[in-house]
Amino acid sequence: MKNKQFTLLVVFTILFVTITHAQPQNFIIKNGFSVGGGLTQFNIKTDNFTTIQGSGFAVGFASTVDIPHRWYNVSYGMQISENTFEVSGRMTDDVIGNEMIEYKLMAAQLGFLFHGKIIGSNLTFDAGPQLQYNGNLEFKNSEQETYFLNGYDGLSVSEITDISKFNINGAVGFTAGIGFLKVRAQYIYGFLNIFNKISTTTNNFKGNPETFVFSAMITF
């Protein structure tokens, strides 16, 4: 099912660009390319654990389609990020404590964005879907691998690392710039339960990843 969603996203992107180029036009569509990177703020929105937002970074590239005399442009590309966040835990199961366990998460997103023109191409409102693939949660500090999560009896911090690998995201934000240099502020929300793979009849975990990305791009 998840592979089908990925295939549909790629096919939709290719068809959209192909149809746009195939239609008779009285103006020239400008294709471009951009590369960039920036800083992230990441968390998993959940009622099961006490979490604290962490920081990270993201790099990416995109193909852009500048459509004159239309109210929008489009782009499609890939972004790779490494993010961190913290979860409340304790050193031993039978002793009360509150020590923050820092996890990190690597992820790659394939996205398609519409850019609504507010001030031409110099300021746009961006929105579109993303398909995300991510790895397991990893520990920033290997000495914490034997700790336990607060709120549960006997739940090791390692038991929640094998999370779901695919997600469908929604991304919204703004892009501003003049000439070849642009900056972007973006919010990304994962619609699927990232803890679905580790949920059981005893512990029904639910969490949705959310990311703020602040980046700069060079366009060609």
N, C-alpha and C. Protein backbone atom coordinates (compact mmCIF):
# COMPACT_ATOMS: atom_id res chain seq x y z
N MET A 1 0.83 -1.20 0.00
CA MET A 1 0.00 0.00 0.00
C MET A 1 0.86 1.25 0.00
N LYS A 2 1.92 1.24 0.86
CA LYS A 2 2.77 2.41 0.96
C LYS A 2 3.58 2.60 -0.32
N ASN A 3 4.01 1.47 -0.97
CA ASN A 3 4.71 1.57 -2.23
C ASN A 3 3.81 2.12 -3.31
N LYS A 4 2.52 1.77 -3.26
CA LYS A 4 1.57 2.30 -4.23
C LYS A 4 1.41 3.80 -4.07
N GLN A 5 1.38 4.27 -2.80
CA GLN A 5 1.25 5.71 -2.55
C GLN A 5 2.46 6.45 -3.10
N PHE A 6 3.65 5.88 -2.94
CA PHE A 6 4.86 6.50 -3.46
C PHE A 6 4.80 6.56 -4.98
N THR A 7 4.38 5.46 -5.63
CA THR A 7 4.29 5.41 -7.08
C THR A 7 3.29 6.42 -7.61
N LEU A 8 2.12 6.52 -6.95
CA LEU A 8 1.10 7.48 -7.37
C LEU A 8 1.61 8.91 -7.28
N LEU A 9 2.37 9.23 -6.22
CA LEU A 9 2.90 10.58 -6.08
C LEU A 9 3.85 10.91 -7.21
N VAL A 10 4.75 9.97 -7.55
CA VAL A 10 5.70 10.20 -8.64
C VAL A 10 4.98 10.34 -9.97
N VAL A 11 4.00 9.45 -10.24
CA VAL A 11 3.25 9.50 -11.49
C VAL A 11 2.48 10.81 -11.62
N PHE A 12 1.83 11.23 -10.52
CA PHE A 12 1.07 12.48 -10.53
C PHE A 12 1.98 13.66 -10.87
N THR A 13 3.17 13.68 -10.27
CA THR A 13 4.12 14.76 -10.51
C THR A 13 4.54 14.81 -11.97
N ILE A 14 4.90 13.64 -12.53
CA ILE A 14 5.34 13.57 -13.92
C ILE A 14 4.23 13.97 -14.87
N LEU A 15 3.01 13.48 -14.62
CA LEU A 15 1.88 13.81 -15.48
C LEU A 15 1.56 15.29 -15.44
N PHE A 16 1.61 15.89 -14.25
CA PHE A 16 1.29 17.31 -14.12
C PHE A 16 2.24 18.15 -14.96
N VAL A 17 3.55 17.86 -14.82
CA VAL A 17 4.53 18.64 -15.55
C VAL A 17 4.42 18.38 -17.05
N THR A 18 4.18 17.11 -17.43
CA THR A 18 4.05 16.78 -18.85
C THR A 18 2.86 17.48 -19.48
N ILE A 19 1.70 17.46 -18.80
CA ILE A 19 0.50 18.11 -19.34
C ILE A 19 0.71 19.61 -19.44
N THR A 20 1.36 20.18 -18.43
CA THR A 20 1.60 21.63 -18.45
C THR A 20 2.45 22.03 -19.65
N HIS A 21 3.46 21.23 -19.95
CA HIS A 21 4.32 21.53 -21.09
C HIS A 21 3.61 21.27 -22.42
N ALA A 22 2.68 20.33 -22.42
CA ALA A 22 2.03 19.93 -23.67
C ALA A 22 0.94 20.90 -24.10
N GLN A 23 0.38 21.67 -23.18
CA GLN A 23 -0.71 22.56 -23.52
C GLN A 23 -0.21 23.74 -24.33
N PRO A 24 -1.00 24.20 -25.31
CA PRO A 24 -0.61 25.38 -26.08
C PRO A 24 -0.50 26.58 -25.16
N GLN A 25 0.60 27.33 -25.29
CA GLN A 25 0.83 28.48 -24.43
C GLN A 25 1.21 29.67 -25.29
N ASN A 26 0.87 30.85 -24.79
CA ASN A 26 1.31 32.09 -25.40
C ASN A 26 2.44 32.71 -24.59
N PHE A 27 2.99 31.94 -23.66
CA PHE A 27 4.07 32.41 -22.83
C PHE A 27 5.04 31.26 -22.60
N ILE A 28 6.22 31.59 -22.13
CA ILE A 28 7.27 30.61 -21.94
C ILE A 28 7.31 30.14 -20.49
N ILE A 29 7.21 28.83 -20.30
CA ILE A 29 7.34 28.24 -18.97
C ILE A 29 8.83 28.08 -18.66
N LYS A 30 9.25 28.57 -17.51
CA LYS A 30 10.65 28.54 -17.14
C LYS A 30 10.90 27.41 -16.13
N ASN A 31 11.77 26.50 -16.51
CA ASN A 31 12.16 25.44 -15.59
C ASN A 31 13.43 25.85 -14.85
N GLY A 32 13.52 25.46 -13.59
CA GLY A 32 14.69 25.80 -12.80
C GLY A 32 15.07 24.69 -11.85
N PHE A 33 16.11 24.94 -11.09
CA PHE A 33 16.62 23.96 -10.14
C PHE A 33 17.12 24.72 -8.92
N SER A 34 16.89 24.17 -7.74
CA SER A 34 17.34 24.83 -6.52
C SER A 34 17.96 23.82 -5.56
N VAL A 35 18.95 24.28 -4.81
CA VAL A 35 19.57 23.48 -3.76
C VAL A 35 19.64 24.35 -2.51
N GLY A 36 19.55 23.71 -1.36
CA GLY A 36 19.57 24.51 -0.14
C GLY A 36 19.62 23.66 1.11
N GLY A 37 19.56 24.33 2.22
CA GLY A 37 19.59 23.65 3.51
C GLY A 37 19.27 24.62 4.62
N GLY A 38 19.06 24.07 5.80
CA GLY A 38 18.72 24.93 6.92
C GLY A 38 18.58 24.16 8.21
N LEU A 39 17.93 24.80 9.17
CA LEU A 39 17.76 24.26 10.51
C LEU A 39 16.33 23.78 10.72
N THR A 40 16.16 22.81 11.61
CA THR A 40 14.84 22.25 11.88
C THR A 40 14.55 22.26 13.38
N GLN A 41 13.25 22.27 13.68
CA GLN A 41 12.74 22.03 15.03
C GLN A 41 11.75 20.87 14.91
N PHE A 42 11.96 19.81 15.69
CA PHE A 42 11.20 18.57 15.50
C PHE A 42 10.63 18.07 16.81
N ASN A 43 9.45 17.46 16.70
CA ASN A 43 8.85 16.78 17.86
C ASN A 43 7.88 15.72 17.35
N ILE A 44 7.50 14.82 18.23
CA ILE A 44 6.42 13.87 17.94
C ILE A 44 5.25 14.23 18.84
N LYS A 45 4.14 14.60 18.23
CA LYS A 45 2.96 15.01 18.98
C LYS A 45 2.24 13.77 19.49
N THR A 46 2.26 13.57 20.81
CA THR A 46 1.70 12.35 21.39
C THR A 46 1.19 12.62 22.80
N ASP A 47 0.17 11.85 23.20
CA ASP A 47 -0.34 11.89 24.57
C ASP A 47 0.25 10.77 25.42
N ASN A 48 1.05 9.90 24.81
CA ASN A 48 1.58 8.75 25.53
C ASN A 48 2.86 9.04 26.31
N PHE A 49 3.63 10.00 25.84
CA PHE A 49 4.91 10.31 26.47
C PHE A 49 5.05 11.82 26.65
N THR A 50 5.91 12.21 27.59
CA THR A 50 6.26 13.62 27.76
C THR A 50 7.48 13.90 26.90
N THR A 51 7.32 14.75 25.89
CA THR A 51 8.39 15.02 24.94
C THR A 51 8.78 16.49 24.95
N ILE A 52 10.00 16.75 24.49
CA ILE A 52 10.51 18.11 24.33
C ILE A 52 11.05 18.24 22.90
N GLN A 53 10.67 19.31 22.26
CA GLN A 53 11.12 19.58 20.90
C GLN A 53 12.64 19.67 20.82
N GLY A 54 13.20 19.10 19.74
CA GLY A 54 14.64 19.15 19.53
C GLY A 54 14.98 19.83 18.21
N SER A 55 16.27 19.98 17.96
CA SER A 55 16.73 20.67 16.76
C SER A 55 17.41 19.69 15.82
N GLY A 56 17.70 20.17 14.61
CA GLY A 56 18.36 19.35 13.62
C GLY A 56 18.69 20.16 12.39
N PHE A 57 18.87 19.46 11.28
CA PHE A 57 19.19 20.15 10.03
C PHE A 57 18.53 19.43 8.86
N ALA A 58 18.43 20.13 7.74
CA ALA A 58 17.85 19.56 6.53
C ALA A 58 18.58 20.10 5.31
N VAL A 59 18.77 19.26 4.31
CA VAL A 59 19.31 19.67 3.02
C VAL A 59 18.41 19.09 1.94
N GLY A 60 18.36 19.76 0.80
CA GLY A 60 17.47 19.26 -0.24
C GLY A 60 17.71 19.93 -1.58
N PHE A 61 16.98 19.43 -2.56
CA PHE A 61 17.02 20.00 -3.90
C PHE A 61 15.63 19.89 -4.51
N ALA A 62 15.36 20.71 -5.50
CA ALA A 62 14.03 20.70 -6.12
C ALA A 62 14.12 21.19 -7.56
N SER A 63 13.24 20.65 -8.39
CA SER A 63 13.02 21.18 -9.74
C SER A 63 11.82 22.11 -9.68
N THR A 64 11.95 23.27 -10.29
CA THR A 64 10.89 24.28 -10.22
C THR A 64 10.33 24.55 -11.60
N VAL A 65 9.04 24.86 -11.63
CA VAL A 65 8.36 25.21 -12.88
C VAL A 65 7.71 26.57 -12.66
N ASP A 66 8.28 27.62 -13.26
CA ASP A 66 7.78 28.98 -13.14
C ASP A 66 6.80 29.23 -14.28
N ILE A 67 5.54 29.47 -13.93
CA ILE A 67 4.48 29.61 -14.93
C ILE A 67 4.03 31.07 -14.98
N PRO A 68 4.49 31.85 -15.94
CA PRO A 68 4.07 33.25 -16.05
C PRO A 68 2.56 33.36 -16.30
N HIS A 69 1.97 34.46 -15.84
CA HIS A 69 0.55 34.76 -16.05
C HIS A 69 -0.38 33.76 -15.37
N ARG A 70 0.15 32.96 -14.46
CA ARG A 70 -0.67 32.10 -13.61
C ARG A 70 -0.49 32.55 -12.17
N TRP A 71 -1.44 32.18 -11.32
CA TRP A 71 -1.35 32.60 -9.92
C TRP A 71 -0.47 31.68 -9.08
N TYR A 72 0.11 30.67 -9.72
CA TYR A 72 0.92 29.71 -8.97
C TYR A 72 2.12 29.23 -9.79
N ASN A 73 3.12 28.74 -9.10
CA ASN A 73 4.20 27.94 -9.65
C ASN A 73 4.15 26.57 -8.98
N VAL A 74 4.94 25.62 -9.47
CA VAL A 74 5.01 24.30 -8.84
C VAL A 74 6.47 23.88 -8.72
N SER A 75 6.72 22.96 -7.81
CA SER A 75 8.06 22.38 -7.67
C SER A 75 7.93 20.97 -7.11
N TYR A 76 8.94 20.17 -7.39
CA TYR A 76 8.98 18.82 -6.82
C TYR A 76 10.43 18.48 -6.53
N GLY A 77 10.65 17.82 -5.40
CA GLY A 77 12.03 17.53 -5.04
C GLY A 77 12.14 16.63 -3.83
N MET A 78 13.35 16.57 -3.28
CA MET A 78 13.64 15.69 -2.15
C MET A 78 14.36 16.47 -1.05
N GLN A 79 14.05 16.10 0.18
CA GLN A 79 14.70 16.70 1.34
C GLN A 79 15.16 15.59 2.28
N ILE A 80 16.37 15.73 2.81
CA ILE A 80 16.92 14.78 3.77
C ILE A 80 17.20 15.53 5.07
N SER A 81 16.80 14.95 6.18
CA SER A 81 16.95 15.65 7.45
C SER A 81 17.42 14.70 8.55
N GLU A 82 18.08 15.30 9.54
CA GLU A 82 18.38 14.61 10.79
C GLU A 82 17.83 15.46 11.92
N ASN A 83 16.93 14.89 12.70
CA ASN A 83 16.25 15.62 13.76
C ASN A 83 16.45 14.94 15.11
N THR A 84 16.29 15.72 16.16
CA THR A 84 16.35 15.18 17.52
C THR A 84 15.13 15.62 18.31
N PHE A 85 14.78 14.85 19.32
CA PHE A 85 13.76 15.24 20.29
C PHE A 85 14.02 14.44 21.56
N GLU A 86 13.37 14.84 22.66
CA GLU A 86 13.62 14.21 23.95
C GLU A 86 12.34 13.66 24.55
N VAL A 87 12.49 12.54 25.27
CA VAL A 87 11.36 11.88 25.94
C VAL A 87 11.73 11.68 27.41
N SER A 88 10.77 11.90 28.29
CA SER A 88 11.02 11.77 29.73
C SER A 88 11.19 10.30 30.11
N GLY A 89 12.26 10.02 30.86
CA GLY A 89 12.53 8.65 31.30
C GLY A 89 13.21 8.63 32.66
N ARG A 90 13.67 7.44 33.04
CA ARG A 90 14.36 7.26 34.32
C ARG A 90 15.43 6.19 34.16
N MET A 91 16.40 6.21 35.07
CA MET A 91 17.54 5.32 34.94
C MET A 91 17.18 3.87 35.25
N THR A 92 16.39 3.65 36.30
CA THR A 92 15.99 2.29 36.68
C THR A 92 14.47 2.21 36.78
N ASP A 93 13.93 1.01 36.58
CA ASP A 93 12.48 0.85 36.52
C ASP A 93 11.80 1.10 37.85
N ASP A 94 12.45 0.74 38.96
CA ASP A 94 11.79 0.79 40.26
C ASP A 94 12.12 2.03 41.08
N VAL A 95 12.80 3.01 40.46
CA VAL A 95 13.15 4.25 41.16
C VAL A 95 12.60 5.43 40.38
N ILE A 96 11.86 6.31 41.07
CA ILE A 96 11.29 7.48 40.42
C ILE A 96 12.41 8.42 39.96
N GLY A 97 12.28 8.91 38.75
CA GLY A 97 13.27 9.85 38.23
C GLY A 97 12.72 10.56 37.02
N ASN A 98 13.41 11.58 36.58
CA ASN A 98 13.01 12.31 35.38
C ASN A 98 14.25 12.79 34.65
N GLU A 99 14.70 11.95 33.74
CA GLU A 99 15.86 12.28 32.92
C GLU A 99 15.44 12.22 31.46
N MET A 100 15.80 13.25 30.70
CA MET A 100 15.36 13.33 29.31
C MET A 100 16.23 12.43 28.43
N ILE A 101 15.56 11.56 27.70
CA ILE A 101 16.22 10.64 26.77
C ILE A 101 16.21 11.30 25.39
N GLU A 102 17.39 11.52 24.82
CA GLU A 102 17.46 12.20 23.53
C GLU A 102 17.57 11.18 22.39
N TYR A 103 16.58 11.24 21.49
CA TYR A 103 16.58 10.40 20.30
C TYR A 103 16.93 11.25 19.08
N LYS A 104 17.41 10.57 18.04
CA LYS A 104 17.58 11.24 16.75
C LYS A 104 16.91 10.40 15.68
N LEU A 105 16.51 11.08 14.59
CA LEU A 105 15.77 10.41 13.52
C LEU A 105 16.23 10.95 12.17
N MET A 106 16.65 10.04 11.29
CA MET A 106 16.99 10.39 9.91
C MET A 106 15.77 10.15 9.04
N ALA A 107 15.51 11.08 8.11
CA ALA A 107 14.33 10.94 7.25
C ALA A 107 14.61 11.54 5.88
N ALA A 108 13.90 11.02 4.88
CA ALA A 108 13.94 11.57 3.52
C ALA A 108 12.50 11.79 3.07
N GLN A 109 12.26 12.93 2.44
CA GLN A 109 10.91 13.27 1.99
C GLN A 109 10.91 13.61 0.50
N LEU A 110 10.00 13.02 -0.22
CA LEU A 110 9.76 13.35 -1.63
C LEU A 110 8.48 14.17 -1.68
N GLY A 111 8.57 15.40 -2.19
CA GLY A 111 7.42 16.29 -2.09
C GLY A 111 7.07 16.99 -3.39
N PHE A 112 5.83 17.46 -3.44
CA PHE A 112 5.30 18.24 -4.56
C PHE A 112 4.59 19.45 -3.98
N LEU A 113 5.00 20.65 -4.38
CA LEU A 113 4.45 21.86 -3.78
C LEU A 113 3.83 22.78 -4.83
N PHE A 114 2.70 23.37 -4.47
CA PHE A 114 2.14 24.50 -5.20
C PHE A 114 2.61 25.78 -4.50
N HIS A 115 3.00 26.78 -5.29
CA HIS A 115 3.46 28.05 -4.74
C HIS A 115 2.52 29.16 -5.22
N GLY A 116 1.59 29.55 -4.36
CA GLY A 116 0.67 30.62 -4.70
C GLY A 116 1.38 31.97 -4.65
N LYS A 117 1.29 32.73 -5.73
CA LYS A 117 2.04 33.98 -5.84
C LYS A 117 1.33 35.10 -5.07
N ILE A 118 2.02 35.64 -4.06
CA ILE A 118 1.52 36.78 -3.31
C ILE A 118 2.09 38.07 -3.88
N ILE A 119 3.41 38.09 -4.07
CA ILE A 119 4.08 39.19 -4.78
C ILE A 119 4.91 38.55 -5.89
N GLY A 120 4.24 38.14 -6.95
CA GLY A 120 4.93 37.43 -8.01
C GLY A 120 5.63 36.20 -7.47
N SER A 121 6.84 35.96 -7.98
CA SER A 121 7.64 34.84 -7.47
C SER A 121 8.53 35.26 -6.31
N ASN A 122 8.44 36.53 -5.90
CA ASN A 122 9.27 37.02 -4.80
C ASN A 122 8.72 36.65 -3.43
N LEU A 123 7.42 36.40 -3.35
CA LEU A 123 6.80 35.95 -2.10
C LEU A 123 5.65 35.02 -2.44
N THR A 124 5.74 33.77 -1.97
CA THR A 124 4.71 32.78 -2.28
C THR A 124 4.26 32.06 -1.02
N PHE A 125 3.00 31.60 -1.07
CA PHE A 125 2.48 30.70 -0.05
C PHE A 125 2.56 29.29 -0.60
N ASP A 126 3.19 28.39 0.13
CA ASP A 126 3.48 27.04 -0.37
C ASP A 126 2.64 25.99 0.36
N ALA A 127 2.16 25.02 -0.40
CA ALA A 127 1.41 23.91 0.21
C ALA A 127 1.48 22.70 -0.71
N GLY A 128 1.54 21.52 -0.09
CA GLY A 128 1.55 20.31 -0.89
C GLY A 128 1.84 19.07 -0.06
N PRO A 129 1.76 17.90 -0.70
CA PRO A 129 1.98 16.62 -0.01
C PRO A 129 3.44 16.18 -0.06
N GLN A 130 3.79 15.33 0.89
CA GLN A 130 5.11 14.70 0.92
C GLN A 130 4.94 13.22 1.26
N LEU A 131 5.81 12.41 0.70
CA LEU A 131 5.92 11.02 1.12
C LEU A 131 7.23 10.87 1.87
N GLN A 132 7.18 10.38 3.09
CA GLN A 132 8.37 10.31 3.94
C GLN A 132 8.79 8.87 4.20
N TYR A 133 10.10 8.66 4.13
CA TYR A 133 10.69 7.41 4.60
C TYR A 133 11.71 7.76 5.68
N ASN A 134 11.65 7.06 6.80
CA ASN A 134 12.58 7.33 7.90
C ASN A 134 13.14 6.03 8.47
N GLY A 135 14.24 6.15 9.18
CA GLY A 135 14.82 5.00 9.85
C GLY A 135 14.23 4.82 11.23
N ASN A 136 14.86 3.97 12.03
CA ASN A 136 14.46 3.80 13.42
C ASN A 136 14.95 4.98 14.27
N LEU A 137 14.35 5.14 15.43
CA LEU A 137 14.87 6.10 16.39
C LEU A 137 16.22 5.60 16.91
N GLU A 138 17.18 6.50 17.02
CA GLU A 138 18.50 6.17 17.55
C GLU A 138 18.79 7.02 18.77
N PHE A 139 19.71 6.56 19.59
CA PHE A 139 20.07 7.29 20.80
C PHE A 139 21.24 8.24 20.54
N LYS A 140 21.12 9.47 21.02
CA LYS A 140 22.24 10.40 20.96
C LYS A 140 23.31 9.99 21.98
N ASN A 141 22.87 9.43 23.10
CA ASN A 141 23.78 8.98 24.16
C ASN A 141 23.56 7.49 24.38
N SER A 142 24.53 6.68 23.99
CA SER A 142 24.38 5.23 24.08
C SER A 142 24.25 4.74 25.53
N GLU A 143 24.69 5.55 26.49
CA GLU A 143 24.59 5.15 27.89
C GLU A 143 23.14 5.13 28.38
N GLN A 144 22.22 5.73 27.62
CA GLN A 144 20.82 5.77 28.03
C GLN A 144 19.99 4.60 27.47
N GLU A 145 20.61 3.71 26.74
CA GLU A 145 19.88 2.63 26.07
C GLU A 145 19.20 1.67 27.03
N THR A 146 19.63 1.64 28.28
CA THR A 146 19.04 0.72 29.27
C THR A 146 18.03 1.42 30.18
N TYR A 147 17.71 2.67 29.90
CA TYR A 147 16.78 3.43 30.74
C TYR A 147 15.34 2.99 30.47
N PHE A 148 14.41 3.56 31.24
CA PHE A 148 12.99 3.24 31.11
C PHE A 148 12.19 4.52 30.90
N LEU A 149 11.05 4.38 30.23
CA LEU A 149 10.20 5.53 29.93
C LEU A 149 9.24 5.81 31.07
N ASN A 150 9.08 7.05 31.42
CA ASN A 150 8.15 7.44 32.47
C ASN A 150 6.70 7.27 32.01
N GLY A 151 5.84 6.92 32.98
CA GLY A 151 4.43 6.71 32.69
C GLY A 151 4.06 5.26 32.49
N TYR A 152 5.07 4.38 32.46
CA TYR A 152 4.83 2.95 32.21
C TYR A 152 5.73 2.12 33.13
N ASP A 153 5.26 0.93 33.48
CA ASP A 153 6.05 0.00 34.28
C ASP A 153 6.82 -0.93 33.36
N GLY A 154 8.13 -0.88 33.45
CA GLY A 154 8.95 -1.83 32.72
C GLY A 154 9.08 -1.57 31.23
N LEU A 155 8.73 -0.38 30.75
CA LEU A 155 8.84 -0.08 29.32
C LEU A 155 10.21 0.54 29.05
N SER A 156 11.07 -0.23 28.39
CA SER A 156 12.42 0.22 28.09
C SER A 156 12.40 1.28 27.00
N VAL A 157 13.38 2.19 27.05
CA VAL A 157 13.48 3.23 26.03
C VAL A 157 13.78 2.63 24.65
N SER A 158 14.33 1.42 24.62
CA SER A 158 14.64 0.76 23.35
C SER A 158 13.41 0.17 22.68
N GLU A 159 12.34 -0.03 23.43
CA GLU A 159 11.15 -0.68 22.89
C GLU A 159 10.34 0.21 21.96
N ILE A 160 10.61 1.50 21.92
CA ILE A 160 9.84 2.37 21.02
C ILE A 160 10.68 2.84 19.83
N THR A 161 11.85 2.25 19.63
CA THR A 161 12.73 2.72 18.55
C THR A 161 12.34 2.18 17.18
N ASP A 162 11.69 1.02 17.13
CA ASP A 162 11.35 0.39 15.85
C ASP A 162 10.03 0.96 15.34
N ILE A 163 10.06 2.21 14.90
CA ILE A 163 8.85 2.93 14.51
C ILE A 163 8.46 2.62 13.06
N SER A 164 7.28 3.07 12.66
CA SER A 164 6.83 2.90 11.28
C SER A 164 7.74 3.68 10.34
N LYS A 165 8.03 3.10 9.18
CA LYS A 165 9.03 3.66 8.28
C LYS A 165 8.47 4.65 7.26
N PHE A 166 7.18 4.60 6.98
CA PHE A 166 6.60 5.49 5.98
C PHE A 166 5.57 6.40 6.61
N ASN A 167 5.45 7.61 6.05
CA ASN A 167 4.42 8.53 6.48
C ASN A 167 4.00 9.40 5.31
N ILE A 168 2.80 9.92 5.38
CA ILE A 168 2.30 10.90 4.41
C ILE A 168 2.19 12.23 5.12
N ASN A 169 2.90 13.22 4.62
CA ASN A 169 2.96 14.51 5.27
C ASN A 169 2.19 15.57 4.49
N GLY A 170 1.78 16.60 5.21
CA GLY A 170 1.30 17.83 4.60
C GLY A 170 2.27 18.94 4.94
N ALA A 171 2.64 19.76 3.95
CA ALA A 171 3.60 20.83 4.17
C ALA A 171 2.99 22.16 3.77
N VAL A 172 3.14 23.18 4.62
CA VAL A 172 2.69 24.54 4.32
C VAL A 172 3.79 25.51 4.75
N GLY A 173 3.84 26.66 4.09
CA GLY A 173 4.85 27.64 4.47
C GLY A 173 4.89 28.81 3.51
N PHE A 174 5.96 29.59 3.63
CA PHE A 174 6.17 30.76 2.79
C PHE A 174 7.60 30.74 2.26
N THR A 175 7.76 31.23 1.02
CA THR A 175 9.07 31.40 0.41
C THR A 175 9.21 32.84 -0.04
N ALA A 176 10.35 33.45 0.26
CA ALA A 176 10.59 34.84 -0.13
C ALA A 176 12.01 34.97 -0.66
N GLY A 177 12.19 35.89 -1.61
CA GLY A 177 13.53 36.12 -2.13
C GLY A 177 13.53 36.96 -3.38
N ILE A 178 14.71 37.40 -3.74
CA ILE A 178 14.91 38.18 -4.96
C ILE A 178 16.06 37.55 -5.73
N GLY A 179 15.85 37.36 -7.02
CA GLY A 179 16.90 36.78 -7.84
C GLY A 179 17.13 35.32 -7.52
N PHE A 180 18.41 34.95 -7.38
CA PHE A 180 18.74 33.54 -7.21
C PHE A 180 18.70 33.07 -5.75
N LEU A 181 18.54 33.99 -4.79
CA LEU A 181 18.56 33.62 -3.38
C LEU A 181 17.17 33.71 -2.76
N LYS A 182 16.75 32.63 -2.10
CA LYS A 182 15.43 32.60 -1.46
C LYS A 182 15.55 31.99 -0.06
N VAL A 183 14.62 32.37 0.80
CA VAL A 183 14.53 31.78 2.13
C VAL A 183 13.12 31.21 2.30
N ARG A 184 13.01 30.18 3.13
CA ARG A 184 11.71 29.49 3.29
C ARG A 184 11.48 29.11 4.75
N ALA A 185 10.25 29.31 5.19
CA ALA A 185 9.80 28.82 6.49
C ALA A 185 8.67 27.83 6.22
N GLN A 186 8.77 26.63 6.78
CA GLN A 186 7.83 25.56 6.42
C GLN A 186 7.45 24.74 7.65
N TYR A 187 6.19 24.35 7.70
CA TYR A 187 5.69 23.45 8.74
C TYR A 187 5.26 22.15 8.08
N ILE A 188 5.72 21.03 8.63
CA ILE A 188 5.42 19.71 8.07
C ILE A 188 4.77 18.85 9.14
N TYR A 189 3.62 18.25 8.81
CA TYR A 189 2.89 17.41 9.76
C TYR A 189 2.68 16.03 9.16
N GLY A 190 3.00 14.99 9.93
CA GLY A 190 2.80 13.62 9.48
C GLY A 190 1.42 13.12 9.86
N PHE A 191 0.63 12.73 8.87
CA PHE A 191 -0.76 12.33 9.12
C PHE A 191 -0.89 10.92 9.69
N LEU A 192 0.10 10.07 9.46
CA LEU A 192 0.00 8.69 9.92
C LEU A 192 0.68 8.52 11.28
N ASN A 193 0.24 7.50 12.01
CA ASN A 193 0.76 7.22 13.35
C ASN A 193 2.16 6.62 13.26
N ILE A 194 3.16 7.38 13.70
CA ILE A 194 4.54 6.90 13.60
C ILE A 194 4.83 5.77 14.58
N PHE A 195 3.99 5.63 15.62
CA PHE A 195 4.15 4.55 16.60
C PHE A 195 3.27 3.34 16.29
N ASN A 196 2.65 3.31 15.13
CA ASN A 196 1.71 2.24 14.82
C ASN A 196 2.37 0.86 14.87
N LYS A 197 3.62 0.78 14.43
CA LYS A 197 4.31 -0.51 14.36
C LYS A 197 4.57 -1.10 15.74
N ILE A 198 4.70 -0.25 16.76
CA ILE A 198 5.02 -0.75 18.10
C ILE A 198 3.81 -0.79 19.02
N SER A 199 2.63 -0.43 18.50
CA SER A 199 1.42 -0.48 19.32
C SER A 199 0.99 -1.92 19.55
N THR A 200 0.49 -2.21 20.74
CA THR A 200 -0.01 -3.54 21.08
C THR A 200 -1.38 -3.40 21.72
N THR A 201 -1.99 -4.52 22.03
CA THR A 201 -3.29 -4.47 22.71
C THR A 201 -3.15 -3.89 24.11
N THR A 202 -1.96 -4.03 24.69
CA THR A 202 -1.71 -3.48 26.03
C THR A 202 -1.38 -2.00 25.98
N ASN A 203 -0.51 -1.62 25.05
CA ASN A 203 -0.09 -0.23 24.91
C ASN A 203 -0.43 0.27 23.51
N ASN A 204 -1.46 1.09 23.43
CA ASN A 204 -1.88 1.64 22.14
C ASN A 204 -1.23 3.01 21.95
N PHE A 205 -0.03 3.01 21.41
CA PHE A 205 0.71 4.25 21.24
C PHE A 205 0.26 4.97 19.98
N LYS A 206 0.25 6.30 20.07
CA LYS A 206 -0.09 7.11 18.90
C LYS A 206 0.75 8.37 18.91
N GLY A 207 1.34 8.69 17.77
CA GLY A 207 2.15 9.89 17.66
C GLY A 207 2.26 10.36 16.22
N ASN A 208 2.29 11.66 16.04
CA ASN A 208 2.41 12.25 14.71
C ASN A 208 3.61 13.20 14.69
N PRO A 209 4.55 12.98 13.77
CA PRO A 209 5.72 13.86 13.71
C PRO A 209 5.36 15.23 13.16
N GLU A 210 5.98 16.26 13.71
CA GLU A 210 5.82 17.62 13.19
C GLU A 210 7.17 18.31 13.18
N THR A 211 7.42 19.05 12.09
CA THR A 211 8.72 19.66 11.88
C THR A 211 8.56 21.09 11.38
N PHE A 212 9.35 21.99 11.94
CA PHE A 212 9.51 23.34 11.40
C PHE A 212 10.87 23.40 10.71
N VAL A 213 10.88 23.87 9.46
CA VAL A 213 12.11 23.97 8.69
C VAL A 213 12.34 25.42 8.29
N PHE A 214 13.52 25.94 8.60
CA PHE A 214 13.91 27.29 8.21
C PHE A 214 15.15 27.17 7.34
N SER A 215 15.01 27.47 6.04
CA SER A 215 16.09 27.16 5.11
C SER A 215 16.35 28.31 4.14
N ALA A 216 17.52 28.23 3.51
CA ALA A 216 17.91 29.15 2.44
C ALA A 216 18.22 28.33 1.20
N MET A 217 17.91 28.89 0.02
CA MET A 217 18.09 28.15 -1.22
C MET A 217 18.75 29.03 -2.27
N ILE A 218 19.52 28.40 -3.12
CA ILE A 218 20.08 29.04 -4.30
C ILE A 218 19.39 28.43 -5.51
N THR A 219 18.86 29.26 -6.39
CA THR A 219 18.13 28.78 -7.56
C THR A 219 18.93 29.03 -8.83
N PHE A 220 18.75 28.13 -9.78
CA PHE A 220 19.45 28.24 -11.06
C PHE A 220 18.44 28.28 -12.21
